Amino acid sequence: TSHIKEVYLLDALYGQLEKFAHWIGHFEGKMINIITPKGGTVQTSNRFLSDLDDWDIPYKKIKHASVTDEQLKRYRIVFIYTKLHHNEVINPYLQQILQNSSLPKIANEKTDR
């Protein structure tokens, strides 16, 4: 657990909130959660946000396509509410998240020659 630096949930916060809460409370990593309107994670995500409020843990809640690179770099915990469907969230969000990640960059053999 201590080796995990970033968690990306692409419409995937269905449960086990206590594990995420423990990680947030005890480690310094970044968590990004993307929520779709009909993916089945809205209620669980909202419940988790309520818990974060109760614990005075700051987060950034972003509506729809307004997520910026600055927000992804600046905030430790980000909840993105998108209008996209479940199978659509990987593109464009994953690329944007990875580009703004604090993780070390991986060399690309084709471009690093």
N, C-alpha and C. Protein backbone atom coordinates (compact mmCIF):
# COMPACT_ATOMS: atom_id res chain seq x y z
N THR A 1 0.82 -1.20 0.00
CA THR A 1 0.00 0.00 0.00
C THR A 1 0.86 1.26 0.00
N SER A 2 1.94 1.25 0.73
CA SER A 2 2.78 2.45 0.81
C SER A 2 3.47 2.76 -0.52
N HIS A 3 3.54 1.81 -1.42
CA HIS A 3 4.17 2.02 -2.71
C HIS A 3 3.22 2.62 -3.75
N ILE A 4 1.94 2.64 -3.45
CA ILE A 4 0.95 3.18 -4.39
C ILE A 4 1.01 4.70 -4.33
N LYS A 5 1.31 5.33 -5.44
CA LYS A 5 1.44 6.79 -5.49
C LYS A 5 0.22 7.47 -6.09
N GLU A 6 -0.48 6.79 -7.00
CA GLU A 6 -1.66 7.37 -7.62
C GLU A 6 -2.68 6.28 -7.91
N VAL A 7 -3.95 6.64 -7.73
CA VAL A 7 -5.06 5.73 -8.00
C VAL A 7 -5.99 6.42 -8.98
N TYR A 8 -6.30 5.75 -10.09
CA TYR A 8 -7.23 6.27 -11.09
C TYR A 8 -8.42 5.33 -11.16
N LEU A 9 -9.58 5.84 -10.83
CA LEU A 9 -10.81 5.05 -10.91
C LEU A 9 -11.64 5.58 -12.07
N LEU A 10 -11.70 4.81 -13.12
CA LEU A 10 -12.43 5.21 -14.33
C LEU A 10 -13.83 4.60 -14.26
N ASP A 11 -14.72 5.32 -13.56
CA ASP A 11 -16.08 4.85 -13.30
C ASP A 11 -16.02 3.49 -12.60
N ALA A 12 -15.25 3.45 -11.50
CA ALA A 12 -14.97 2.16 -10.86
C ALA A 12 -15.11 2.16 -9.34
N LEU A 13 -15.64 3.22 -8.73
CA LEU A 13 -15.77 3.26 -7.28
C LEU A 13 -17.11 2.63 -6.90
N TYR A 14 -17.13 1.30 -6.84
CA TYR A 14 -18.36 0.56 -6.53
C TYR A 14 -18.47 0.20 -5.05
N GLY A 15 -17.36 0.24 -4.33
CA GLY A 15 -17.39 -0.15 -2.93
C GLY A 15 -16.01 -0.15 -2.32
N GLN A 16 -15.88 -0.83 -1.18
CA GLN A 16 -14.64 -0.92 -0.43
C GLN A 16 -14.10 0.46 -0.08
N LEU A 17 -15.01 1.36 0.28
CA LEU A 17 -14.64 2.74 0.59
C LEU A 17 -13.65 2.83 1.75
N GLU A 18 -13.77 1.90 2.70
CA GLU A 18 -12.87 1.95 3.86
C GLU A 18 -11.41 1.77 3.45
N LYS A 19 -11.16 0.99 2.40
CA LYS A 19 -9.79 0.80 1.93
C LYS A 19 -9.24 2.09 1.30
N PHE A 20 -10.07 2.76 0.51
CA PHE A 20 -9.66 4.02 -0.08
C PHE A 20 -9.48 5.09 1.00
N ALA A 21 -10.39 5.12 1.97
CA ALA A 21 -10.29 6.09 3.06
C ALA A 21 -9.02 5.87 3.87
N HIS A 22 -8.69 4.62 4.15
CA HIS A 22 -7.46 4.31 4.89
C HIS A 22 -6.24 4.79 4.11
N TRP A 23 -6.21 4.50 2.84
CA TRP A 23 -5.08 4.91 2.01
C TRP A 23 -4.95 6.44 1.98
N ILE A 24 -6.06 7.14 1.79
CA ILE A 24 -6.03 8.61 1.77
C ILE A 24 -5.56 9.16 3.11
N GLY A 25 -6.01 8.56 4.19
CA GLY A 25 -5.67 9.04 5.51
C GLY A 25 -4.26 8.76 5.96
N HIS A 26 -3.64 7.72 5.40
CA HIS A 26 -2.32 7.30 5.89
C HIS A 26 -1.18 7.48 4.90
N PHE A 27 -1.49 7.78 3.66
CA PHE A 27 -0.45 7.90 2.64
C PHE A 27 -0.67 9.18 1.85
N GLU A 28 0.32 9.62 1.11
CA GLU A 28 0.29 10.91 0.43
C GLU A 28 -0.08 10.84 -1.05
N GLY A 29 -0.57 9.73 -1.52
CA GLY A 29 -0.84 9.56 -2.95
C GLY A 29 -2.02 10.37 -3.45
N LYS A 30 -2.15 10.39 -4.77
CA LYS A 30 -3.21 11.11 -5.46
C LYS A 30 -4.31 10.14 -5.88
N MET A 31 -5.56 10.58 -5.77
CA MET A 31 -6.70 9.76 -6.20
C MET A 31 -7.55 10.57 -7.16
N ILE A 32 -7.82 10.00 -8.33
CA ILE A 32 -8.72 10.61 -9.30
C ILE A 32 -9.84 9.63 -9.59
N ASN A 33 -11.07 10.09 -9.40
CA ASN A 33 -12.25 9.25 -9.59
C ASN A 33 -13.14 9.89 -10.65
N ILE A 34 -13.40 9.17 -11.72
CA ILE A 34 -14.29 9.65 -12.79
C ILE A 34 -15.64 8.96 -12.64
N ILE A 35 -16.71 9.75 -12.65
CA ILE A 35 -18.05 9.24 -12.42
C ILE A 35 -18.92 9.53 -13.65
N THR A 36 -19.59 8.49 -14.15
CA THR A 36 -20.52 8.67 -15.27
C THR A 36 -21.95 8.70 -14.74
N PRO A 37 -22.87 9.30 -15.50
CA PRO A 37 -24.24 9.43 -14.99
C PRO A 37 -24.97 8.11 -14.81
N LYS A 38 -24.63 7.10 -15.59
CA LYS A 38 -25.37 5.84 -15.53
C LYS A 38 -24.47 4.63 -15.31
N GLY A 39 -23.24 4.85 -14.85
CA GLY A 39 -22.29 3.76 -14.70
C GLY A 39 -22.44 2.97 -13.41
N GLY A 40 -23.26 3.45 -12.49
CA GLY A 40 -23.46 2.72 -11.25
C GLY A 40 -22.57 3.15 -10.10
N THR A 41 -21.79 4.22 -10.29
CA THR A 41 -20.87 4.66 -9.24
C THR A 41 -21.25 6.00 -8.62
N VAL A 42 -22.32 6.61 -9.09
CA VAL A 42 -22.69 7.95 -8.62
C VAL A 42 -23.01 7.95 -7.12
N GLN A 43 -23.86 7.04 -6.68
CA GLN A 43 -24.24 7.03 -5.26
C GLN A 43 -23.06 6.73 -4.35
N THR A 44 -22.24 5.77 -4.73
CA THR A 44 -21.08 5.42 -3.92
C THR A 44 -20.09 6.58 -3.87
N SER A 45 -19.87 7.22 -5.00
CA SER A 45 -18.97 8.37 -5.05
C SER A 45 -19.48 9.51 -4.19
N ASN A 46 -20.77 9.80 -4.28
CA ASN A 46 -21.36 10.87 -3.47
C ASN A 46 -21.27 10.55 -1.97
N ARG A 47 -21.47 9.29 -1.62
CA ARG A 47 -21.33 8.88 -0.22
C ARG A 47 -19.89 9.07 0.25
N PHE A 48 -18.94 8.74 -0.60
CA PHE A 48 -17.54 8.90 -0.25
C PHE A 48 -17.19 10.38 -0.10
N LEU A 49 -17.72 11.24 -0.97
CA LEU A 49 -17.49 12.68 -0.84
C LEU A 49 -18.05 13.20 0.48
N SER A 50 -19.20 12.70 0.86
CA SER A 50 -19.79 13.09 2.14
C SER A 50 -18.88 12.69 3.30
N ASP A 51 -18.31 11.49 3.21
CA ASP A 51 -17.36 11.05 4.24
C ASP A 51 -16.13 11.95 4.28
N LEU A 52 -15.61 12.31 3.11
CA LEU A 52 -14.45 13.20 3.06
C LEU A 52 -14.77 14.54 3.71
N ASP A 53 -15.98 15.05 3.46
CA ASP A 53 -16.41 16.29 4.11
C ASP A 53 -16.43 16.12 5.63
N ASP A 54 -16.98 15.01 6.10
CA ASP A 54 -17.06 14.75 7.55
C ASP A 54 -15.66 14.68 8.18
N TRP A 55 -14.70 14.20 7.45
CA TRP A 55 -13.34 14.05 7.95
C TRP A 55 -12.46 15.28 7.66
N ASP A 56 -13.05 16.31 7.06
CA ASP A 56 -12.31 17.53 6.69
C ASP A 56 -11.12 17.24 5.78
N ILE A 57 -11.32 16.32 4.86
CA ILE A 57 -10.30 16.01 3.86
C ILE A 57 -10.64 16.77 2.59
N PRO A 58 -9.77 17.66 2.14
CA PRO A 58 -10.07 18.48 0.95
C PRO A 58 -10.03 17.66 -0.34
N TYR A 59 -10.87 18.06 -1.27
CA TYR A 59 -10.92 17.44 -2.59
C TYR A 59 -11.41 18.46 -3.59
N LYS A 60 -11.28 18.14 -4.86
CA LYS A 60 -11.79 18.99 -5.93
C LYS A 60 -12.85 18.21 -6.68
N LYS A 61 -14.02 18.80 -6.80
CA LYS A 61 -15.13 18.19 -7.56
C LYS A 61 -15.28 18.99 -8.84
N ILE A 62 -15.21 18.29 -9.97
CA ILE A 62 -15.25 18.94 -11.28
C ILE A 62 -16.43 18.40 -12.06
N LYS A 63 -17.18 19.30 -12.66
CA LYS A 63 -18.34 18.90 -13.46
C LYS A 63 -17.98 18.85 -14.94
N HIS A 64 -18.33 17.74 -15.57
CA HIS A 64 -18.28 17.53 -17.02
C HIS A 64 -16.89 17.71 -17.61
N ALA A 65 -16.79 18.38 -18.71
CA ALA A 65 -15.53 18.42 -19.46
C ALA A 65 -14.64 19.60 -19.05
N SER A 66 -14.88 20.20 -17.90
CA SER A 66 -14.11 21.38 -17.53
C SER A 66 -12.80 21.08 -16.81
N VAL A 67 -12.39 19.83 -16.76
CA VAL A 67 -11.15 19.48 -16.06
C VAL A 67 -9.94 20.04 -16.82
N THR A 68 -9.05 20.67 -16.05
CA THR A 68 -7.86 21.27 -16.65
C THR A 68 -6.61 20.56 -16.15
N ASP A 69 -5.53 20.76 -16.87
CA ASP A 69 -4.25 20.20 -16.46
C ASP A 69 -3.85 20.76 -15.09
N GLU A 70 -4.09 22.04 -14.88
CA GLU A 70 -3.76 22.67 -13.60
C GLU A 70 -4.48 22.00 -12.44
N GLN A 71 -5.76 21.68 -12.61
CA GLN A 71 -6.52 21.02 -11.55
C GLN A 71 -5.95 19.64 -11.25
N LEU A 72 -5.59 18.90 -12.29
CA LEU A 72 -5.05 17.56 -12.09
C LEU A 72 -3.69 17.60 -11.39
N LYS A 73 -2.93 18.65 -11.62
CA LYS A 73 -1.63 18.78 -10.96
C LYS A 73 -1.77 19.29 -9.53
N ARG A 74 -2.72 20.18 -9.32
CA ARG A 74 -2.82 20.90 -8.05
C ARG A 74 -3.49 20.10 -6.93
N TYR A 75 -4.54 19.35 -7.26
CA TYR A 75 -5.34 18.71 -6.22
C TYR A 75 -4.96 17.25 -6.02
N ARG A 76 -4.96 16.84 -4.78
CA ARG A 76 -4.60 15.46 -4.42
C ARG A 76 -5.75 14.50 -4.68
N ILE A 77 -6.97 14.93 -4.38
CA ILE A 77 -8.15 14.08 -4.56
C ILE A 77 -9.10 14.81 -5.51
N VAL A 78 -9.41 14.16 -6.63
CA VAL A 78 -10.23 14.79 -7.67
C VAL A 78 -11.38 13.85 -8.03
N PHE A 79 -12.59 14.40 -8.04
CA PHE A 79 -13.77 13.68 -8.49
C PHE A 79 -14.29 14.39 -9.73
N ILE A 80 -14.34 13.68 -10.85
CA ILE A 80 -14.77 14.26 -12.12
C ILE A 80 -16.11 13.65 -12.50
N TYR A 81 -17.13 14.49 -12.59
CA TYR A 81 -18.46 14.07 -13.03
C TYR A 81 -18.55 14.35 -14.52
N THR A 82 -18.61 13.31 -15.32
CA THR A 82 -18.63 13.46 -16.77
C THR A 82 -20.00 13.09 -17.33
N LYS A 83 -20.28 13.56 -18.52
CA LYS A 83 -21.51 13.17 -19.23
C LYS A 83 -21.26 11.95 -20.11
N LEU A 84 -20.02 11.53 -20.20
CA LEU A 84 -19.68 10.37 -21.02
C LEU A 84 -20.27 9.09 -20.43
N HIS A 85 -20.39 8.07 -21.27
CA HIS A 85 -20.84 6.77 -20.82
C HIS A 85 -19.65 5.97 -20.29
N HIS A 86 -19.93 4.89 -19.59
CA HIS A 86 -18.92 4.08 -18.93
C HIS A 86 -17.76 3.70 -19.86
N ASN A 87 -18.06 3.22 -21.06
CA ASN A 87 -17.02 2.76 -21.98
C ASN A 87 -16.29 3.90 -22.69
N GLU A 88 -16.67 5.14 -22.42
CA GLU A 88 -16.06 6.28 -23.11
C GLU A 88 -15.06 7.05 -22.23
N VAL A 89 -14.94 6.72 -20.96
CA VAL A 89 -14.14 7.57 -20.06
C VAL A 89 -12.63 7.43 -20.24
N ILE A 90 -12.18 6.32 -20.79
CA ILE A 90 -10.73 6.16 -20.97
C ILE A 90 -10.18 7.24 -21.89
N ASN A 91 -10.90 7.51 -22.93
CA ASN A 91 -10.47 8.52 -23.88
C ASN A 91 -11.41 9.70 -23.78
N PRO A 92 -11.03 10.85 -23.37
CA PRO A 92 -9.71 11.44 -23.31
C PRO A 92 -9.08 11.48 -21.93
N TYR A 93 -9.78 11.05 -20.88
CA TYR A 93 -9.32 11.27 -19.52
C TYR A 93 -8.00 10.58 -19.17
N LEU A 94 -7.82 9.33 -19.55
CA LEU A 94 -6.61 8.62 -19.14
C LEU A 94 -5.36 9.31 -19.65
N GLN A 95 -5.35 9.73 -20.88
CA GLN A 95 -4.18 10.42 -21.43
C GLN A 95 -3.92 11.71 -20.66
N GLN A 96 -4.94 12.48 -20.39
CA GLN A 96 -4.77 13.73 -19.66
C GLN A 96 -4.26 13.48 -18.23
N ILE A 97 -4.81 12.47 -17.57
CA ILE A 97 -4.37 12.13 -16.22
C ILE A 97 -2.90 11.73 -16.22
N LEU A 98 -2.51 10.87 -17.13
CA LEU A 98 -1.12 10.42 -17.18
C LEU A 98 -0.15 11.55 -17.53
N GLN A 99 -0.57 12.45 -18.42
CA GLN A 99 0.29 13.58 -18.78
C GLN A 99 0.53 14.50 -17.59
N ASN A 100 -0.39 14.54 -16.65
CA ASN A 100 -0.28 15.42 -15.49
C ASN A 100 0.08 14.66 -14.22
N SER A 101 0.49 13.45 -14.37
CA SER A 101 0.85 12.60 -13.24
C SER A 101 2.18 13.04 -12.63
N SER A 102 2.34 12.77 -11.35
CA SER A 102 3.62 13.02 -10.68
C SER A 102 4.54 11.80 -10.77
N LEU A 103 4.05 10.74 -11.39
CA LEU A 103 4.85 9.53 -11.54
C LEU A 103 5.99 9.76 -12.52
N PRO A 104 7.08 9.03 -12.38
CA PRO A 104 8.19 9.18 -13.33
C PRO A 104 7.74 8.81 -14.74
N LYS A 105 8.24 9.53 -15.70
CA LYS A 105 7.92 9.28 -17.10
C LYS A 105 8.61 8.01 -17.57
N ILE A 106 7.93 7.25 -18.41
CA ILE A 106 8.49 6.03 -18.98
C ILE A 106 9.00 6.38 -20.37
N ALA A 107 10.21 5.98 -20.68
CA ALA A 107 10.80 6.25 -21.98
C ALA A 107 10.08 5.47 -23.07
N ASN A 108 9.90 6.10 -24.19
CA ASN A 108 9.29 5.48 -25.35
C ASN A 108 10.42 5.13 -26.31
N GLU A 109 10.61 3.84 -26.58
CA GLU A 109 11.73 3.40 -27.42
C GLU A 109 11.73 4.07 -28.79
N LYS A 110 10.57 4.27 -29.37
CA LYS A 110 10.50 4.86 -30.72
C LYS A 110 10.91 6.33 -30.74
N THR A 111 10.53 7.08 -29.69
CA THR A 111 10.83 8.51 -29.68
C THR A 111 12.12 8.86 -28.96
N ASP A 112 12.70 7.93 -28.20
CA ASP A 112 13.90 8.22 -27.41
C ASP A 112 15.18 7.70 -28.07
N ARG A 113 15.14 7.38 -29.32
CA ARG A 113 16.33 6.86 -30.01
C ARG A 113 17.18 7.97 -30.53
